[in-house]
Amino acid sequence: MGTPHRTIRPQPGILDIELYVSGESKLAGAQNSVTKLSSNENPYGPSPAAKAAVIAAAESLELYPDSGHAALRGAIAEVHGLDPARVICGAGSDEIIAFLCQVYAGPGDEVVHTEHGFAMYPISARAAGATPVEAPERVRVTDVDAILSVCTDRTRLVFIANPNNPTGTMIGPEEVARLAEGLPEAALLVLDGAYAEYVRDPDFDAGRALVEARDNVVMTRTFSKVHGLGGLRVGWGYGPAHVIEALNRVRGPFNVSAAGLAAGEAAIRDRDHVARSVALNAQWRDWLAAELDALGIPSDRSEANFILARFDSPDQAGACDMALREGGVLVRRVTGYKLPAALRITIGDELACRRVVSIIADFLGRSEPAA
């Protein structure tokens, strides 16, 4: 870290923010292909229709994109049964999270997140001048009572990812509703549904019904995961009219690119590609979890596109990470999420999953379990 300037200084608290560390994408000195399982990306890529939309958008790059995002908001609303006027789009759901902190939290306010919750919650809170408050989880699962116990009259936002990253665990709609009901009057509940499409329950709505029923709940979603558009940075949120109106007052007029808008609209309408990606993820998620469990590496039941593999110690997790790297596989160390004895492993395609099991089996000095 550089030496602070003598007179030019950031706002208080900015230099206290720990830099977000993304999943690695390259291995120094790697001669063979690298299997990247560190960022929860869709191994099957985006919809062919989304790729075609990007190519078409390239014909008019000199033009500003639609500042109102009308076509994309309309497509989101059509597919998910929402009111398009209450949809807001952003440069990934991270930007919606930042908007929420910017608009509703500031100096003297508190933003609650869970023990192993997504790192951008406390980062965005601090960037807005607010104080992040951590609520403990119950064996890597969101604990509603623990969240409510840390809420005060200074609480302005409560963030939960459901399913959670990096644990893959989630709580049911009754618990989410109990949390919304129990919050202080001045607080908003934000339901981060980045991995919602991967949930096994076909009736899971990522909080849509709760948003419709209440005035203190917002949901966020992303195109970066199941839709395979991480490189374009497109996300969205849905909430009460009073929240969306406020967020739009700080949103930049051209915050989503023309290519991102076009690709997002095509991607969300391609339900076959989504269904295929979800089905393959479920198949290999269950296979990978079972194979690693047979090797003595357990994981919680994941409802996302990754598993959190748990080891006997931080040293064993670190050594296994090194073995995977030597085998050309990148996974995610989650020490920064207070899980030093675990590795988060994205569910890749069949070849990638088998490669992971083979390397870990060799690392443990055992034979691979039967396929």
Protein backbone atom coordinates (compact mmCIF):
# COMPACT_ATOMS: atom_id res chain seq x y z
CA MET A 1 0.00 0.00 0.00
CA GLY A 2 1.34 3.44 -0.94
CA THR A 3 2.07 6.25 1.50
CA PRO A 4 -0.96 8.52 2.04
CA HIS A 5 -0.69 11.97 0.47
CA ARG A 6 0.10 14.83 2.82
CA THR A 7 -2.99 16.88 1.98
CA ILE A 8 -5.15 14.99 -0.52
CA ARG A 9 -7.04 12.34 1.38
CA PRO A 10 -10.01 10.04 0.64
CA GLN A 11 -13.14 10.18 2.74
CA PRO A 12 -12.83 8.62 6.22
CA GLY A 13 -12.95 4.84 6.13
CA ILE A 14 -12.07 4.40 2.45
CA LEU A 15 -8.49 3.30 3.14
CA ASP A 16 -9.82 0.80 5.70
CA ILE A 17 -11.57 -1.15 2.94
CA GLU A 18 -9.89 -4.44 2.14
CA LEU A 19 -9.47 -4.87 -1.61
CA TYR A 20 -11.82 -7.40 -3.19
CA VAL A 21 -9.84 -10.35 -4.54
CA SER A 22 -11.42 -12.10 -7.50
CA GLY A 23 -10.85 -15.69 -8.52
CA GLU A 24 -7.59 -16.27 -10.38
CA SER A 25 -7.75 -16.89 -14.11
CA LYS A 26 -4.12 -17.67 -14.98
CA LEU A 27 -1.33 -19.85 -13.64
CA ALA A 28 2.18 -18.50 -13.93
CA GLY A 29 4.31 -20.72 -16.12
CA ALA A 30 1.43 -23.04 -17.05
CA GLN A 31 2.23 -24.86 -20.28
CA ASN A 32 -1.00 -26.80 -20.63
CA SER A 33 -4.60 -25.63 -20.58
CA VAL A 34 -5.85 -24.24 -17.29
CA THR A 35 -9.22 -25.29 -15.90
CA LYS A 36 -10.68 -22.22 -14.18
CA LEU A 37 -13.06 -23.17 -11.37
CA SER A 38 -12.48 -20.11 -9.22
CA SER A 39 -15.20 -17.63 -10.19
CA ASN A 40 -18.47 -19.60 -10.47
CA GLU A 41 -18.75 -19.02 -14.21
CA ASN A 42 -20.99 -21.06 -16.51
CA PRO A 43 -18.70 -23.63 -18.24
CA TYR A 44 -21.14 -23.80 -21.17
CA GLY A 45 -20.88 -20.08 -21.88
CA PRO A 46 -23.68 -17.73 -22.92
CA SER A 47 -26.64 -18.42 -25.15
CA PRO A 48 -25.82 -18.42 -28.88
CA ALA A 49 -28.55 -15.79 -29.20
CA ALA A 50 -26.69 -13.57 -26.72
CA LYS A 51 -23.47 -13.92 -28.72
CA ALA A 52 -25.32 -12.96 -31.90
CA ALA A 53 -26.83 -9.95 -30.12
CA VAL A 54 -23.37 -8.71 -29.14
CA ILE A 55 -22.13 -9.02 -32.72
CA ALA A 56 -25.16 -7.09 -33.95
CA ALA A 57 -24.61 -4.39 -31.32
CA ALA A 58 -21.07 -3.89 -32.60
CA GLU A 59 -22.53 -2.34 -35.76
CA SER A 60 -23.56 0.80 -33.84
CA LEU A 61 -20.99 1.27 -31.10
CA GLU A 62 -20.89 5.00 -31.82
CA LEU A 63 -24.39 5.36 -30.34
CA TYR A 64 -25.17 5.67 -26.66
CA PRO A 65 -27.27 2.83 -25.20
CA ASP A 66 -30.88 3.28 -24.11
CA SER A 67 -30.59 5.07 -20.77
CA GLY A 68 -33.94 3.68 -19.61
CA HIS A 69 -33.10 0.03 -20.39
CA ALA A 70 -36.70 -0.41 -21.56
CA ALA A 71 -36.26 -3.50 -23.72
CA LEU A 72 -34.19 -5.38 -21.14
CA ARG A 73 -36.48 -4.43 -18.27
CA GLY A 74 -39.41 -5.57 -20.36
CA ALA A 75 -37.80 -8.93 -21.08
CA ILE A 76 -36.91 -9.46 -17.41
CA ALA A 77 -40.46 -8.59 -16.40
CA GLU A 78 -41.96 -10.89 -19.03
CA VAL A 79 -39.86 -13.92 -18.07
CA HIS A 80 -40.18 -13.49 -14.30
CA GLY A 81 -43.71 -12.06 -14.08
CA LEU A 82 -42.70 -8.65 -12.74
CA ASP A 83 -43.71 -5.02 -13.11
CA PRO A 84 -41.11 -3.55 -15.51
CA ALA A 85 -41.42 -0.14 -13.84
CA ARG A 86 -39.98 -1.69 -10.67
CA VAL A 87 -36.95 -3.25 -12.37
CA ILE A 88 -33.57 -1.48 -12.34
CA CYS A 89 -30.53 -2.58 -14.34
CA GLY A 90 -26.90 -2.18 -13.45
CA ALA A 91 -23.33 -3.09 -14.33
CA GLY A 92 -23.68 -6.42 -12.60
CA SER A 93 -25.71 -6.86 -9.42
CA ASP A 94 -22.65 -5.42 -7.62
CA GLU A 95 -23.67 -1.99 -8.89
CA ILE A 96 -27.20 -2.41 -7.54
CA ILE A 97 -25.68 -3.33 -4.16
CA ALA A 98 -23.53 -0.20 -4.31
CA PHE A 99 -26.57 1.93 -5.23
CA LEU A 100 -28.46 0.60 -2.23
CA CYS A 101 -25.63 1.48 0.15
CA GLN A 102 -25.13 4.88 -1.45
CA VAL A 103 -28.82 5.76 -1.18
CA TYR A 104 -29.78 4.24 2.17
CA ALA A 105 -26.63 4.10 4.32
CA GLY A 106 -24.09 6.67 5.40
CA PRO A 107 -22.04 7.84 8.38
CA GLY A 108 -23.66 6.70 11.61
CA ASP A 109 -25.71 3.99 9.88
CA GLU A 110 -25.17 0.23 10.01
CA VAL A 111 -25.34 -2.41 7.28
CA VAL A 112 -25.80 -6.01 8.42
CA HIS A 113 -24.33 -9.01 6.60
CA THR A 114 -23.70 -12.61 7.60
CA GLU A 115 -20.48 -14.21 8.81
CA HIS A 116 -19.62 -15.89 5.51
CA GLY A 117 -21.52 -13.49 3.26
CA PHE A 118 -20.40 -11.96 -0.05
CA ALA A 119 -17.45 -9.59 0.42
CA MET A 120 -19.05 -6.74 -1.54
CA TYR A 121 -21.61 -6.10 1.21
CA PRO A 122 -19.15 -4.70 3.77
CA ILE A 123 -17.05 -3.10 1.02
CA SER A 124 -20.04 -1.18 -0.37
CA ALA A 125 -21.16 -0.24 3.14
CA ARG A 126 -17.77 1.25 3.98
CA ALA A 127 -17.61 3.04 0.62
CA ALA A 128 -20.86 4.80 1.59
CA GLY A 129 -19.45 5.75 5.00
CA ALA A 130 -21.61 3.25 6.89
CA THR A 131 -20.51 0.64 9.41
CA PRO A 132 -20.73 -3.05 8.45
CA VAL A 133 -22.10 -5.32 11.18
CA GLU A 134 -21.53 -9.06 11.00
CA ALA A 135 -24.11 -11.59 12.17
CA PRO A 136 -22.89 -15.12 12.96
CA GLU A 137 -24.13 -18.03 10.86
CA ARG A 138 -25.32 -21.38 12.17
CA VAL A 139 -22.85 -23.95 10.82
CA ARG A 140 -22.45 -22.03 7.55
CA VAL A 141 -26.19 -21.32 7.21
CA THR A 142 -27.88 -17.92 7.54
CA ASP A 143 -29.30 -17.53 11.05
CA VAL A 144 -32.34 -15.24 11.15
CA ASP A 145 -32.34 -14.89 14.94
CA ALA A 146 -28.65 -13.95 14.91
CA ILE A 147 -29.32 -11.28 12.26
CA LEU A 148 -32.24 -9.82 14.20
CA SER A 149 -30.18 -9.78 17.39
CA VAL A 150 -27.58 -7.43 15.85
CA CYS A 151 -30.11 -5.06 14.31
CA THR A 152 -30.54 -1.68 16.01
CA ASP A 153 -32.22 1.63 15.30
CA ARG A 154 -29.12 2.44 13.23
CA THR A 155 -29.64 -0.52 10.86
CA ARG A 156 -30.51 0.62 7.36
CA LEU A 157 -29.75 -2.43 5.19
CA VAL A 158 -29.60 -6.19 5.77
CA PHE A 159 -27.94 -8.25 3.03
CA ILE A 160 -28.32 -11.99 2.62
CA ALA A 161 -27.36 -14.06 -0.40
CA ASN A 162 -29.81 -16.92 -0.80
CA PRO A 163 -28.21 -19.28 -1.84
CA ASN A 164 -25.14 -17.92 -0.13
CA ASN A 165 -21.69 -17.45 -1.63
CA PRO A 166 -19.29 -19.09 -0.75
CA THR A 167 -21.17 -21.73 1.26
CA GLY A 168 -23.90 -22.72 -1.23
CA THR A 169 -26.42 -23.04 1.61
CA MET A 170 -29.77 -21.29 1.85
CA ILE A 171 -32.81 -20.72 4.06
CA GLY A 172 -36.45 -21.28 3.13
CA PRO A 173 -39.11 -18.68 2.30
CA GLU A 174 -40.70 -18.86 5.76
CA GLU A 175 -37.42 -17.85 7.41
CA VAL A 176 -36.85 -15.08 4.87
CA ALA A 177 -40.34 -13.74 5.53
CA ARG A 178 -39.73 -13.87 9.29
CA LEU A 179 -36.57 -11.85 8.80
CA ALA A 180 -38.37 -9.21 6.73
CA GLU A 181 -41.12 -8.97 9.34
CA GLY A 182 -38.68 -8.58 12.23
CA LEU A 183 -36.48 -5.81 10.83
CA PRO A 184 -36.42 -2.30 12.29
CA GLU A 185 -38.85 0.07 10.57
CA ALA A 186 -36.10 2.05 8.82
CA ALA A 187 -34.30 -1.00 7.39
CA LEU A 188 -34.44 -2.70 3.99
CA LEU A 189 -33.88 -6.42 3.45
CA VAL A 190 -31.83 -7.12 0.32
CA LEU A 191 -32.07 -10.65 -1.11
CA ASP A 192 -29.12 -11.39 -3.37
CA GLY A 193 -30.26 -14.04 -5.85
CA ALA A 194 -27.12 -14.38 -7.95
CA TYR A 195 -27.45 -18.18 -7.85
CA ALA A 196 -31.25 -18.40 -7.79
CA GLU A 197 -31.55 -20.33 -11.06
CA TYR A 198 -29.53 -23.22 -9.62
CA VAL A 199 -31.86 -23.92 -6.67
CA ARG A 200 -33.39 -27.39 -6.82
CA ASP A 201 -36.90 -26.28 -5.79
CA PRO A 202 -38.77 -25.41 -9.03
CA ASP A 203 -41.08 -23.10 -7.08
CA PHE A 204 -38.25 -20.96 -5.68
CA ASP A 205 -38.89 -17.34 -6.70
CA ALA A 206 -35.78 -15.70 -5.14
CA GLY A 207 -38.05 -13.46 -3.05
CA ARG A 208 -40.35 -12.12 -5.78
CA ALA A 209 -43.56 -12.77 -3.83
CA LEU A 210 -42.09 -11.15 -0.71
CA VAL A 211 -41.08 -8.06 -2.69
CA GLU A 212 -44.62 -7.86 -4.03
CA ALA A 213 -46.13 -8.23 -0.58
CA ARG A 214 -43.96 -5.81 1.39
CA ASP A 215 -42.42 -2.37 1.11
CA ASN A 216 -39.09 -3.22 2.80
CA VAL A 217 -37.67 -5.99 0.58
CA VAL A 218 -35.49 -5.74 -2.54
CA MET A 219 -34.09 -8.58 -4.66
CA THR A 220 -31.01 -8.50 -6.88
CA ARG A 221 -30.10 -10.83 -9.74
CA THR A 222 -27.26 -11.20 -12.22
CA PHE A 223 -26.53 -12.25 -15.79
CA SER A 224 -23.00 -13.28 -14.81
CA LYS A 225 -23.72 -16.80 -13.60
CA VAL A 226 -26.26 -19.04 -15.35
CA HIS A 227 -26.53 -16.67 -18.33
CA GLY A 228 -22.75 -16.70 -18.85
CA LEU A 229 -22.35 -12.94 -19.33
CA GLY A 230 -19.80 -12.17 -16.63
CA GLY A 231 -17.60 -10.34 -19.10
CA LEU A 232 -20.35 -7.88 -20.01
CA ARG A 233 -21.35 -6.90 -16.44
CA VAL A 234 -25.14 -6.90 -16.44
CA GLY A 235 -27.38 -7.28 -13.40
CA TRP A 236 -30.75 -6.15 -12.17
CA GLY A 237 -32.86 -5.51 -9.13
CA TYR A 238 -36.57 -5.56 -8.29
CA GLY A 239 -38.15 -3.71 -5.44
CA PRO A 240 -40.88 -1.40 -4.17
CA ALA A 241 -41.53 1.65 -6.34
CA HIS A 242 -40.18 4.00 -3.67
CA VAL A 243 -36.84 2.16 -3.66
CA ILE A 244 -36.43 1.89 -7.43
CA GLU A 245 -37.26 5.58 -7.87
CA ALA A 246 -34.57 6.51 -5.34
CA LEU A 247 -31.94 4.22 -6.88
CA ASN A 248 -32.56 5.63 -10.34
CA ARG A 249 -31.67 9.08 -9.04
CA VAL A 250 -28.05 8.00 -8.49
CA ARG A 251 -27.78 5.60 -11.42
CA GLY A 252 -25.66 6.90 -14.27
CA PRO A 253 -27.71 7.38 -17.45
CA PHE A 254 -25.62 4.94 -19.51
CA ASN A 255 -24.46 2.50 -16.84
CA VAL A 256 -25.13 -0.62 -18.96
CA SER A 257 -23.55 -0.86 -22.42
CA ALA A 258 -25.53 -1.39 -25.59
CA ALA A 259 -23.90 -4.79 -26.01
CA GLY A 260 -24.80 -5.70 -22.43
CA LEU A 261 -28.41 -4.65 -22.88
CA ALA A 262 -28.77 -6.60 -26.13
CA ALA A 263 -27.07 -9.72 -24.79
CA GLY A 264 -29.07 -9.63 -21.56
CA GLU A 265 -32.37 -9.43 -23.44
CA ALA A 266 -31.44 -12.35 -25.71
CA ALA A 267 -30.04 -14.42 -22.83
CA ILE A 268 -33.04 -14.14 -20.55
CA ARG A 269 -35.40 -15.15 -23.36
CA ASP A 270 -33.36 -18.27 -24.19
CA ARG A 271 -34.98 -20.53 -21.62
CA ASP A 272 -33.64 -23.68 -23.28
CA HIS A 273 -30.04 -22.60 -22.70
CA VAL A 274 -30.80 -21.78 -19.07
CA ALA A 275 -32.55 -25.13 -18.54
CA ARG A 276 -29.65 -27.05 -20.10
CA SER A 277 -27.06 -25.20 -18.01
CA VAL A 278 -29.04 -25.79 -14.82
CA ALA A 279 -29.57 -29.50 -15.55
CA LEU A 280 -25.89 -30.15 -16.30
CA ASN A 281 -24.85 -28.18 -13.22
CA ALA A 282 -27.16 -30.24 -11.01
CA GLN A 283 -25.84 -33.50 -12.48
CA TRP A 284 -22.16 -32.69 -11.95
CA ARG A 285 -22.67 -30.81 -8.68
CA ASP A 286 -24.19 -33.92 -7.12
CA TRP A 287 -21.54 -36.15 -8.68
CA LEU A 288 -18.62 -34.01 -7.52
CA ALA A 289 -19.99 -33.67 -3.99
CA ALA A 290 -20.53 -37.44 -3.72
CA GLU A 291 -17.09 -38.30 -5.11
CA LEU A 292 -15.29 -35.91 -2.79
CA ASP A 293 -17.35 -37.11 0.17
CA ALA A 294 -16.25 -40.67 -0.60
CA LEU A 295 -12.67 -39.40 -0.42
CA GLY A 296 -13.34 -37.93 3.02
CA ILE A 297 -13.85 -34.34 1.83
CA PRO A 298 -17.39 -33.30 2.86
CA SER A 299 -19.41 -30.33 1.68
CA ASP A 300 -22.75 -28.85 2.65
CA ARG A 301 -25.71 -29.44 0.32
CA SER A 302 -25.16 -26.74 -2.28
CA GLU A 303 -27.96 -24.94 -4.09
CA ALA A 304 -25.56 -23.01 -6.31
CA ASN A 305 -23.06 -23.75 -9.09
CA PHE A 306 -20.20 -24.56 -6.72
CA ILE A 307 -19.48 -26.63 -3.65
CA LEU A 308 -17.53 -25.68 -0.55
CA ALA A 309 -15.13 -28.58 0.01
CA ARG A 310 -14.09 -28.83 3.67
CA PHE A 311 -10.73 -30.21 4.78
CA ASP A 312 -9.29 -31.28 8.11
CA SER A 313 -7.22 -28.13 8.53
CA PRO A 314 -6.15 -24.91 6.80
CA ASP A 315 -2.83 -26.54 6.02
CA GLN A 316 -4.50 -29.45 4.26
CA ALA A 317 -6.75 -27.10 2.29
CA GLY A 318 -3.75 -25.03 1.24
CA ALA A 319 -1.76 -28.10 0.22
CA CYS A 320 -4.67 -29.42 -1.80
CA ASP A 321 -5.04 -26.05 -3.49
CA MET A 322 -1.37 -26.27 -4.49
CA ALA A 323 -1.87 -29.80 -5.83
CA LEU A 324 -4.80 -28.61 -7.93
CA ARG A 325 -2.75 -25.70 -9.25
CA GLU A 326 0.07 -28.04 -10.18
CA GLY A 327 -2.53 -30.07 -12.07
CA GLY A 328 -3.70 -26.97 -13.94
CA VAL A 329 -6.91 -26.39 -11.94
CA LEU A 330 -7.74 -23.08 -10.28
CA VAL A 331 -10.23 -23.10 -7.40
CA ARG A 332 -10.92 -20.45 -4.75
CA ARG A 333 -9.30 -20.18 -1.35
CA VAL A 334 -11.87 -18.70 1.03
CA THR A 335 -9.70 -17.72 3.97
CA GLY A 336 -10.97 -14.15 3.56
CA TYR A 337 -14.48 -15.48 4.18
CA LYS A 338 -13.36 -16.98 7.51
CA LEU A 339 -13.26 -20.46 6.01
CA PRO A 340 -9.52 -21.22 5.97
CA ALA A 341 -10.00 -25.00 5.92
CA ALA A 342 -12.16 -24.98 2.79
CA LEU A 343 -11.93 -24.58 -0.98
CA ARG A 344 -14.77 -23.28 -3.13
CA ILE A 345 -14.92 -25.30 -6.34
CA THR A 346 -17.03 -24.14 -9.27
CA ILE A 347 -18.97 -26.91 -11.00
CA GLY A 348 -17.38 -27.26 -14.41
CA ASP A 349 -18.25 -29.62 -17.21
CA GLU A 350 -17.73 -33.39 -16.96
CA LEU A 351 -14.05 -33.26 -17.89
CA ALA A 352 -13.33 -30.54 -15.33
CA CYS A 353 -15.16 -32.34 -12.52
CA ARG A 354 -13.37 -35.62 -13.22
CA ARG A 355 -10.07 -33.76 -13.33
CA VAL A 356 -10.71 -32.28 -9.88
CA VAL A 357 -11.53 -35.66 -8.35
CA SER A 358 -8.50 -37.33 -9.93
CA ILE A 359 -6.11 -34.67 -8.60
CA ILE A 360 -7.60 -34.66 -5.11
CA ALA A 361 -7.57 -38.47 -4.99
CA ASP A 362 -3.89 -38.43 -5.90
CA PHE A 363 -3.25 -35.73 -3.34
CA LEU A 364 -4.87 -37.81 -0.63
CA GLY A 365 -2.89 -40.87 -1.71
CA ARG A 366 -5.98 -42.92 -2.36
CA SER A 367 -7.65 -44.46 -5.37
CA GLU A 368 -10.47 -42.62 -7.05
CA PRO A 369 -13.93 -43.81 -5.90
CA ALA A 370 -15.86 -45.82 -8.44
CA ALA A 371 -17.72 -43.71 -11.03
